[in-house]
Amino acid sequence: MSLFRAMEASASALTAERVRMEVVAGNLANANTTGGPSGPYRRRVAVFAPLLDRFALAGGGAGEGGGVVVAAIVEDSSAPRRVYDPGHPDSDAQGFVTYPNVNPAVEMADLIASSRAYELNVVALNTTKQLILRALEIGRR
């Protein structure tokens, strides 16, 4: 993998992790909403897929790793939380309120993991940039 491809891979990962953080932030923002006409908010998850080298694929090869892309943002199919609160304006006939299937502890863990991955890709990008600059310095001598 060339140094420029390494930079492209890190840049694609930065973009994907930013999208993942935005999805997690949306989940946390809606953790206690009871919903609207379609029911409570559904937790969303960013699904990553490898971004293969399009030139190697066009030539019939297996393709070299070229980064990552957000393939989709899907809704979590787990059941929503039901909490007994008969005084709540959105409670049903049995006194239960249906809340989103968002667990703030899980979302915070996802946010920390995404933040760490983002930081590591920034370090990788900066390291690659330094390698390119050093190679240019060697070439000048």
Protein backbone atom coordinates (compact mmCIF):
# COMPACT_ATOMS: atom_id res chain seq x y z
CA MET A 1 0.00 0.00 0.00
CA SER A 2 1.44 3.36 -0.98
CA LEU A 3 1.71 6.20 1.47
CA PHE A 4 -1.02 8.12 -0.33
CA ARG A 5 -3.35 5.13 -0.15
CA ALA A 6 -2.59 4.92 3.57
CA MET A 7 -3.64 8.57 3.89
CA GLU A 8 -6.83 7.87 1.92
CA ALA A 9 -7.61 4.90 4.18
CA SER A 10 -7.16 7.02 7.31
CA ALA A 11 -9.23 9.84 5.84
CA SER A 12 -12.08 7.47 4.98
CA ALA A 13 -11.97 6.07 8.51
CA LEU A 14 -12.15 9.60 9.94
CA THR A 15 -15.27 10.28 7.89
CA ALA A 16 -16.87 6.98 8.90
CA GLU A 17 -16.13 7.49 12.59
CA ARG A 18 -17.58 11.01 12.43
CA VAL A 19 -20.81 9.57 11.04
CA ARG A 20 -20.79 6.91 13.77
CA MET A 21 -20.40 9.61 16.44
CA GLU A 22 -23.29 11.57 14.94
CA VAL A 23 -25.50 8.47 15.03
CA VAL A 24 -24.58 7.81 18.67
CA ALA A 25 -25.28 11.46 19.55
CA GLY A 26 -28.71 11.15 17.93
CA ASN A 27 -29.40 8.00 19.93
CA LEU A 28 -28.44 9.70 23.18
CA ALA A 29 -30.51 12.77 22.34
CA ASN A 30 -33.60 10.58 21.86
CA ALA A 31 -33.00 8.15 24.73
CA ASN A 32 -36.01 9.34 26.72
CA THR A 33 -38.41 10.42 24.00
CA THR A 34 -41.67 8.53 24.05
CA GLY A 35 -42.28 8.89 20.36
CA GLY A 36 -44.84 10.17 17.99
CA PRO A 37 -47.41 8.62 15.69
CA SER A 38 -45.05 5.81 14.60
CA GLY A 39 -44.06 4.87 18.14
CA PRO A 40 -40.88 5.49 20.12
CA TYR A 41 -37.55 6.32 18.55
CA ARG A 42 -35.57 3.29 17.35
CA ARG A 43 -31.85 3.10 18.10
CA ARG A 44 -29.72 3.52 14.99
CA VAL A 45 -26.39 1.85 14.22
CA ALA A 46 -23.82 2.77 11.56
CA VAL A 47 -22.72 -0.27 9.55
CA PHE A 48 -19.20 -0.10 8.14
CA ALA A 49 -17.96 -1.86 5.01
CA PRO A 50 -14.49 -2.09 3.50
CA LEU A 51 -13.70 0.35 0.74
CA LEU A 52 -11.71 -1.76 -1.70
CA ASP A 53 -9.28 -0.43 -4.25
CA ARG A 54 -11.40 0.17 -7.34
CA PHE A 55 -8.42 -0.25 -9.72
CA ALA A 56 -7.51 -3.70 -8.45
CA LEU A 57 -11.15 -4.77 -8.61
CA ALA A 58 -11.51 -3.50 -12.18
CA GLY A 59 -8.55 -5.63 -13.19
CA GLY A 60 -10.15 -8.73 -11.75
CA GLY A 61 -7.94 -8.88 -8.67
CA ALA A 62 -9.13 -9.40 -5.14
CA GLY A 63 -8.59 -5.78 -4.27
CA GLU A 64 -6.38 -4.17 -1.71
CA GLY A 65 -7.74 -2.62 1.44
CA GLY A 66 -8.52 1.00 0.79
CA GLY A 67 -10.31 2.21 3.88
CA VAL A 68 -13.83 2.03 5.20
CA VAL A 69 -17.19 3.52 4.31
CA VAL A 70 -20.52 3.74 6.11
CA ALA A 71 -22.56 1.23 4.12
CA ALA A 72 -25.83 1.94 5.90
CA ILE A 73 -27.44 3.33 9.01
CA VAL A 74 -29.87 0.71 10.25
CA GLU A 75 -32.42 0.63 13.04
CA ASP A 76 -31.85 -1.75 15.94
CA SER A 77 -34.62 -4.34 15.99
CA SER A 78 -34.54 -4.98 19.73
CA ALA A 79 -37.70 -4.37 21.70
CA PRO A 80 -38.36 -0.93 23.21
CA ARG A 81 -38.25 -0.45 26.98
CA ARG A 82 -41.55 -0.46 28.82
CA VAL A 83 -41.68 1.40 32.12
CA TYR A 84 -44.64 1.46 34.51
CA ASP A 85 -45.60 5.12 34.99
CA PRO A 86 -49.38 5.54 35.04
CA GLY A 87 -49.11 9.32 35.56
CA HIS A 88 -47.17 9.89 32.33
CA PRO A 89 -49.20 11.48 29.52
CA ASP A 90 -48.02 8.81 27.05
CA SER A 91 -48.84 5.80 29.23
CA ASP A 92 -51.08 3.10 27.80
CA ALA A 93 -54.23 1.63 29.40
CA GLN A 94 -52.11 -0.59 31.69
CA GLY A 95 -50.00 2.39 32.83
CA PHE A 96 -46.85 1.53 30.85
CA VAL A 97 -44.82 4.05 28.85
CA THR A 98 -42.87 2.78 25.85
CA TYR A 99 -39.36 4.27 25.64
CA PRO A 100 -36.73 3.83 22.91
CA ASN A 101 -34.44 0.80 22.88
CA VAL A 102 -31.48 3.07 23.70
CA ASN A 103 -29.18 2.14 26.58
CA PRO A 104 -27.09 5.22 27.49
CA ALA A 105 -24.27 3.06 28.89
CA VAL A 106 -23.96 1.17 25.59
CA GLU A 107 -24.11 4.42 23.64
CA MET A 108 -21.37 5.98 25.77
CA ALA A 109 -19.17 2.90 25.23
CA ASP A 110 -19.77 3.21 21.47
CA LEU A 111 -18.95 6.90 21.63
CA ILE A 112 -15.69 6.26 23.48
CA ALA A 113 -14.70 3.50 21.02
CA SER A 114 -15.49 5.75 18.07
CA SER A 115 -13.57 8.63 19.62
CA ARG A 116 -10.51 6.43 20.20
CA ALA A 117 -10.67 5.10 16.62
CA TYR A 118 -10.91 8.68 15.36
CA GLU A 119 -7.86 9.69 17.43
CA LEU A 120 -5.84 6.71 16.18
CA ASN A 121 -6.66 7.53 12.58
CA VAL A 122 -5.55 11.13 13.11
CA VAL A 123 -2.24 9.80 14.47
CA ALA A 124 -1.90 7.44 11.49
CA LEU A 125 -2.65 10.28 9.07
CA ASN A 126 -0.10 12.57 10.72
CA THR A 127 2.52 9.80 10.80
CA THR A 128 2.01 9.13 7.10
CA LYS A 129 2.30 12.85 6.39
CA GLN A 130 5.58 12.96 8.31
CA LEU A 131 6.89 9.96 6.35
CA ILE A 132 6.09 11.70 3.07
CA LEU A 133 7.83 14.90 4.23
CA ARG A 134 10.92 12.93 5.30
CA ALA A 135 11.01 11.15 1.94
CA LEU A 136 10.89 14.51 0.19
CA GLU A 137 13.75 15.78 2.36
CA ILE A 138 15.86 12.76 1.43
CA GLY A 139 15.11 13.40 -2.23
CA ARG A 140 16.37 16.99 -1.97
CA ARG A 141 19.79 16.01 -0.68
